[in-house]
Amino acid sequence: MPVRAFPRRRLLSCLALAALLAGLVLGGALLHWDDQLRLSWRERLTDSDTRALSIWLPDYRLTLSVELPGLEDDETSGLTWNPLTGTLFTVTGQNPQLVEISPQGVILRRIRLYGFSDPEAVESLGDGRLAIIDERQRLLAVFELPEGDAPLQLSELATYDLGHREAGNKGFEGLAWDARSQSLLLAKERDPLGLYSLPFPGEDGAPGALVARADQALMVRDLSSVAIDPRTGHTLLLSDESRLLLELDRDGQPRSAMRLLGGLSGLARSIDQAEGVAMDDRGRIFVVGEPNRFYVFERQAR
């Protein structure tokens, strides 16, 4: 009995289907959809006591969304809560400046940053000092918060070399102060992404060595910003490309997540280019997105 030839058109269709399935599997792995689905399932099984001891992002809803006037062309990036002033600070990259913002999204002052080429993260150290990362120059600048709007000159500030000269424009984008360990947590954007710890004793003392934290299941494609909850000690990771806010417990393991997509968590539209996250001692979460969007999320009672 003669063997029938497999039709060429059907063969091509099968090959195309196989390539599509392989692409979906690979794409899902790169986007971490499988990890996020597993986390969603674990969230459903988490008991109420564990939720109460967590930030617990599924309970958060948007309570404010406004534009920051006058920053349309400045590219806001990074965000920190300053407990001493009860306000927030962000930096801008296109026209380097430090901007103070009220919790209601009102701009209170702008401070010019001279000598900075690409400020990407800002963090309050809890003692009146602020720290700024300049991604392009791969350095950390630390200074006392000035009064008024007097400009800051980089050459007059204490600075520390962060290394990673091969990173180019994919360097450190996130910065958070860990009061428990008296260290800074730095987030490298990508290629590869990762979290680093930098012991930081004081402006007059040399910082410790920059140490990569152990491999963790970060579940995101990039890291835009980080924050540490002063109440639980848990870490918030913000990812622009994944449109995700992720909570890590003190062991660095994923605890909960919030998708920054329209139709979820009270968002009418997805957050484009989320670049900064901060958290205050009341548990409010603040997010800035390019070019000048400001969001506030608050935990709702179940």
Protein backbone atom coordinates (compact mmCIF):
# COMPACT_ATOMS: atom_id res chain seq x y z
CA MET A 1 0.00 0.00 0.00
CA PRO A 2 1.61 3.29 -1.03
CA VAL A 3 2.49 5.84 1.68
CA ARG A 4 0.66 9.12 1.24
CA ALA A 5 2.78 12.27 1.36
CA PHE A 6 1.96 14.67 4.17
CA PRO A 7 0.35 17.73 2.54
CA ARG A 8 2.78 20.63 2.42
CA ARG A 9 0.14 23.14 3.51
CA ARG A 10 -0.78 21.05 6.55
CA LEU A 11 2.89 20.61 7.41
CA LEU A 12 3.46 24.35 7.31
CA SER A 13 0.36 24.92 9.44
CA CYS A 14 1.58 22.45 12.04
CA LEU A 15 5.02 24.04 12.12
CA ALA A 16 3.47 27.50 12.52
CA LEU A 17 1.26 26.27 15.36
CA ALA A 18 4.22 24.65 17.08
CA ALA A 19 6.23 27.88 16.78
CA LEU A 20 3.30 29.88 18.17
CA LEU A 21 2.92 27.56 21.15
CA ALA A 22 6.64 27.65 21.82
CA GLY A 23 6.57 31.44 21.63
CA LEU A 24 3.68 31.63 24.07
CA VAL A 25 5.46 29.34 26.52
CA LEU A 26 8.72 31.27 26.21
CA GLY A 27 6.95 34.63 26.34
CA GLY A 28 5.00 33.58 29.40
CA ALA A 29 8.21 32.59 31.14
CA LEU A 30 9.87 35.89 30.26
CA LEU A 31 6.83 37.84 31.45
CA HIS A 32 6.58 35.67 34.57
CA TRP A 33 2.88 34.99 34.00
CA ASP A 34 3.27 31.53 35.52
CA ASP A 35 4.87 32.95 38.67
CA GLN A 36 2.19 35.61 38.97
CA LEU A 37 -0.59 33.05 38.58
CA ARG A 38 0.94 30.91 41.31
CA LEU A 39 1.16 33.95 43.58
CA SER A 40 -2.50 34.80 42.88
CA TRP A 41 -3.46 31.29 43.93
CA ARG A 42 -1.39 31.54 47.13
CA GLU A 43 -3.04 34.88 47.93
CA ARG A 44 -6.42 33.18 47.92
CA LEU A 45 -5.19 30.58 50.41
CA THR A 46 -3.49 33.05 52.79
CA ASP A 47 -5.07 33.20 56.25
CA SER A 48 -6.34 36.42 57.81
CA ASP A 49 -3.58 36.60 60.44
CA THR A 50 -0.86 36.55 57.77
CA ARG A 51 -2.71 39.17 55.76
CA ALA A 52 -2.94 41.41 58.83
CA LEU A 53 0.84 41.19 59.31
CA SER A 54 1.49 42.07 55.65
CA ILE A 55 1.12 45.12 53.46
CA TRP A 56 -1.39 42.95 51.57
CA LEU A 57 -1.72 44.67 48.22
CA PRO A 58 -4.99 42.98 47.09
CA ASP A 59 -6.81 45.14 49.68
CA TYR A 60 -5.52 48.44 48.24
CA ARG A 61 -7.64 50.74 46.09
CA LEU A 62 -6.90 53.99 44.27
CA THR A 63 -8.06 57.04 46.25
CA LEU A 64 -6.36 59.84 44.29
CA SER A 65 -5.06 60.32 40.75
CA VAL A 66 -3.83 63.76 39.67
CA GLU A 67 -1.32 65.40 37.36
CA LEU A 68 1.65 67.23 38.84
CA PRO A 69 1.40 70.63 37.11
CA GLY A 70 4.48 72.00 35.42
CA LEU A 71 6.35 68.68 35.25
CA GLU A 72 4.97 67.52 31.91
CA ASP A 73 8.40 67.72 30.23
CA ASP A 74 10.58 66.81 33.21
CA GLU A 75 10.20 62.98 33.54
CA THR A 76 9.55 62.29 37.21
CA SER A 77 11.44 59.30 38.58
CA GLY A 78 11.78 57.84 42.05
CA LEU A 79 9.73 58.74 45.11
CA THR A 80 10.27 58.82 48.88
CA TRP A 81 8.27 59.66 51.97
CA ASN A 82 10.01 62.01 54.41
CA PRO A 83 8.60 61.45 57.93
CA LEU A 84 10.23 64.64 59.25
CA THR A 85 8.33 66.89 56.83
CA GLY A 86 5.27 64.71 56.24
CA THR A 87 5.78 65.16 52.49
CA LEU A 88 7.13 63.29 49.48
CA PHE A 89 10.11 63.96 47.24
CA THR A 90 10.73 62.95 43.65
CA VAL A 91 13.49 63.74 41.15
CA THR A 92 13.28 64.62 37.48
CA GLY A 93 15.69 63.45 34.82
CA GLN A 94 15.06 65.65 31.81
CA ASN A 95 15.59 68.85 33.79
CA PRO A 96 17.34 67.66 36.96
CA GLN A 97 15.56 68.87 40.05
CA LEU A 98 14.33 67.70 43.45
CA VAL A 99 10.58 68.24 43.86
CA GLU A 100 8.64 68.25 47.13
CA ILE A 101 5.01 67.08 46.93
CA SER A 102 2.20 67.03 49.48
CA PRO A 103 0.28 63.75 50.05
CA GLN A 104 -2.55 65.38 48.07
CA GLY A 105 -0.36 65.83 45.00
CA VAL A 106 0.38 69.55 45.40
CA ILE A 107 3.88 70.71 44.42
CA LEU A 108 5.41 72.58 47.35
CA ARG A 109 8.87 73.48 46.01
CA ARG A 110 11.45 72.65 43.36
CA ILE A 111 15.20 72.55 43.92
CA ARG A 112 17.54 72.65 40.93
CA LEU A 113 20.20 69.91 40.80
CA TYR A 114 23.39 71.12 39.13
CA GLY A 115 26.01 68.61 38.03
CA PHE A 116 23.54 65.71 37.92
CA SER A 117 23.08 64.07 34.53
CA ASP A 118 20.41 61.42 35.19
CA PRO A 119 18.90 61.39 38.71
CA GLU A 120 16.70 58.29 38.92
CA ALA A 121 16.00 57.61 42.61
CA VAL A 122 15.68 59.58 45.83
CA GLU A 123 15.35 58.34 49.41
CA SER A 124 14.95 59.84 52.87
CA LEU A 125 17.42 58.40 55.38
CA GLY A 126 15.19 59.34 58.31
CA ASP A 127 17.64 61.76 59.94
CA GLY A 128 17.10 64.82 57.78
CA ARG A 129 19.38 63.65 54.98
CA LEU A 130 18.31 62.61 51.50
CA ALA A 131 20.15 60.39 49.02
CA ILE A 132 19.94 60.57 45.22
CA ILE A 133 21.20 58.04 42.68
CA ASP A 134 22.55 59.39 39.40
CA GLU A 135 22.18 56.38 37.10
CA ARG A 136 24.41 57.60 34.29
CA GLN A 137 27.27 58.64 36.59
CA ARG A 138 26.74 55.51 38.77
CA LEU A 139 27.01 57.40 42.03
CA LEU A 140 25.09 58.05 45.22
CA ALA A 141 24.88 61.63 46.55
CA VAL A 142 23.94 62.30 50.19
CA PHE A 143 23.02 65.71 51.62
CA GLU A 144 21.05 67.59 54.26
CA LEU A 145 17.70 68.82 52.99
CA PRO A 146 18.12 72.55 52.39
CA GLU A 147 15.67 75.21 53.42
CA GLY A 148 13.74 76.97 50.72
CA ASP A 149 14.55 76.32 47.07
CA ALA A 150 18.31 77.00 47.06
CA PRO A 151 19.94 74.82 44.32
CA LEU A 152 22.19 71.87 45.08
CA GLN A 153 25.59 71.49 43.38
CA LEU A 154 26.76 67.89 43.00
CA SER A 155 30.43 68.82 43.44
CA GLU A 156 29.63 70.14 46.94
CA LEU A 157 27.85 66.95 48.13
CA ALA A 158 29.18 63.74 49.63
CA THR A 159 29.19 61.14 46.82
CA TYR A 160 29.90 57.42 46.63
CA ASP A 161 30.85 55.37 43.56
CA LEU A 162 28.42 52.51 42.93
CA GLY A 163 30.54 50.77 40.30
CA HIS A 164 28.84 48.63 37.61
CA ARG A 165 30.33 50.75 34.84
CA GLU A 166 29.22 48.17 32.28
CA ALA A 167 25.55 48.84 33.10
CA GLY A 168 25.26 51.95 30.91
CA ASN A 169 21.70 53.28 31.15
CA LYS A 170 20.47 50.05 32.79
CA GLY A 171 21.92 50.74 36.19
CA PHE A 172 20.44 51.46 39.61
CA GLU A 173 16.94 52.93 39.48
CA GLY A 174 15.55 52.12 42.91
CA LEU A 175 16.62 53.17 46.40
CA ALA A 176 15.12 52.46 49.83
CA TRP A 177 16.30 52.98 53.41
CA ASP A 178 16.13 49.97 55.74
CA ALA A 179 16.13 51.38 59.28
CA ARG A 180 16.32 47.91 60.82
CA SER A 181 19.65 47.06 59.21
CA GLN A 182 20.87 50.66 58.81
CA SER A 183 21.49 50.03 55.13
CA LEU A 184 20.29 51.12 51.72
CA LEU A 185 18.49 48.77 49.38
CA LEU A 186 19.34 49.41 45.73
CA ALA A 187 17.49 48.03 42.72
CA LYS A 188 19.28 47.47 39.42
CA GLU A 189 16.86 48.02 36.56
CA ARG A 190 17.72 45.01 34.34
CA ASP A 191 20.37 43.12 32.29
CA PRO A 192 20.49 41.67 34.87
CA LEU A 193 17.97 43.04 37.34
CA GLY A 194 18.66 42.52 41.03
CA LEU A 195 18.64 43.87 44.57
CA TYR A 196 21.75 45.05 46.40
CA SER A 197 22.42 46.01 50.01
CA LEU A 198 24.71 48.89 50.98
CA PRO A 199 25.51 49.34 54.71
CA PHE A 200 25.49 53.07 55.29
CA PRO A 201 26.80 54.25 58.68
CA GLY A 202 26.82 57.99 58.08
CA GLU A 203 27.94 60.88 55.92
CA ASP A 204 31.40 61.05 57.50
CA GLY A 205 31.95 57.31 57.59
CA ALA A 206 32.71 55.17 54.58
CA PRO A 207 29.80 53.00 53.45
CA GLY A 208 30.19 49.26 53.49
CA ALA A 209 30.59 47.12 50.40
CA LEU A 210 27.76 46.87 47.89
CA VAL A 211 26.51 43.29 48.15
CA ALA A 212 24.10 41.51 45.82
CA ARG A 213 21.27 39.90 47.73
CA ALA A 214 20.69 36.19 47.24
CA ASP A 215 18.74 35.15 44.16
CA GLN A 216 15.04 35.78 44.67
CA ALA A 217 11.90 35.06 42.68
CA LEU A 218 11.30 38.68 41.72
CA MET A 219 8.69 37.78 39.08
CA VAL A 220 9.17 41.00 37.09
CA ARG A 221 10.87 42.03 33.85
CA ASP A 222 12.45 45.17 35.27
CA LEU A 223 12.76 47.17 38.49
CA SER A 224 11.73 50.83 38.47
CA SER A 225 11.61 51.63 42.17
CA VAL A 226 11.66 50.11 45.67
CA ALA A 227 10.27 51.08 49.07
CA ILE A 228 10.31 49.53 52.54
CA ASP A 229 7.22 49.57 54.73
CA PRO A 230 8.26 51.11 58.08
CA ARG A 231 5.62 49.02 59.90
CA THR A 232 6.21 45.48 58.62
CA GLY A 233 9.71 45.79 57.19
CA HIS A 234 8.40 44.29 53.95
CA THR A 235 9.67 45.54 50.59
CA LEU A 236 7.67 46.95 47.69
CA LEU A 237 9.05 46.41 44.19
CA LEU A 238 7.69 48.48 41.31
CA SER A 239 8.00 47.20 37.74
CA ASP A 240 7.17 49.44 34.80
CA GLU A 241 7.35 46.76 32.11
CA SER A 242 5.37 44.19 34.11
CA ARG A 243 2.91 46.84 35.35
CA LEU A 244 3.12 45.24 38.75
CA LEU A 245 3.65 46.23 42.37
CA LEU A 246 5.05 43.31 44.36
CA GLU A 247 5.36 42.79 48.13
CA LEU A 248 8.32 40.78 49.44
CA ASP A 249 8.44 39.55 53.03
CA ARG A 250 11.54 39.89 55.23
CA ASP A 251 12.97 36.71 53.71
CA GLY A 252 12.68 38.21 50.22
CA GLN A 253 9.82 35.95 49.18
CA PRO A 254 6.75 37.23 47.27
CA ARG A 255 3.79 37.80 49.61
CA SER A 256 1.22 39.72 47.53
CA ALA A 257 0.87 41.78 44.35
CA MET A 258 -1.16 44.54 42.73
CA ARG A 259 -1.56 44.77 38.96
CA LEU A 260 -1.35 48.35 37.72
CA LEU A 261 -3.90 47.76 34.97
CA GLY A 262 -7.05 49.65 34.10
CA GLY A 263 -10.10 48.07 35.68
CA LEU A 264 -8.16 46.77 38.70
CA SER A 265 -7.56 48.30 42.15
CA GLY A 266 -9.77 51.26 41.28
CA LEU A 267 -7.71 52.31 38.24
CA ALA A 268 -9.73 53.58 35.30
CA ARG A 269 -6.64 53.30 33.08
CA SER A 270 -3.37 51.40 33.33
CA ILE A 271 -0.41 53.23 34.82
CA ASP A 272 2.02 54.00 32.02
CA GLN A 273 5.72 54.16 32.89
CA ALA A 274 5.42 53.75 36.65
CA GLU A 275 8.73 55.13 37.93
CA GLY A 276 8.50 55.67 41.69
CA VAL A 277 6.84 54.15 44.77
CA ALA A 278 6.81 55.23 48.42
CA MET A 279 4.93 54.30 51.58
CA ASP A 280 4.17 56.34 54.69
CA ASP A 281 3.74 55.27 58.31
CA ARG A 282 -0.04 55.12 57.83
CA GLY A 283 0.29 52.49 55.14
CA ARG A 284 -0.61 54.73 52.21
CA ILE A 285 1.14 53.83 48.95
CA PHE A 286 2.18 56.61 46.56
CA VAL A 287 3.19 56.07 42.92
CA VAL A 288 4.52 58.48 40.30
CA GLY A 289 4.45 57.72 36.60
CA GLU A 290 5.99 59.55 33.67
CA PRO A 291 5.55 62.17 32.65
CA ASN A 292 3.77 63.69 35.67
CA ARG A 293 1.06 61.41 37.08
CA PHE A 294 0.63 60.98 40.86
CA TYR A 295 -1.40 58.20 42.47
CA VAL A 296 -2.41 57.35 46.04
CA PHE A 297 -3.60 53.89 47.10
CA GLU A 298 -5.07 53.07 50.52
CA ARG A 299 -5.92 49.76 52.14
CA GLN A 300 -9.66 49.15 52.40
CA ALA A 301 -11.27 47.23 55.25
CA ARG A 302 -12.64 43.85 54.23
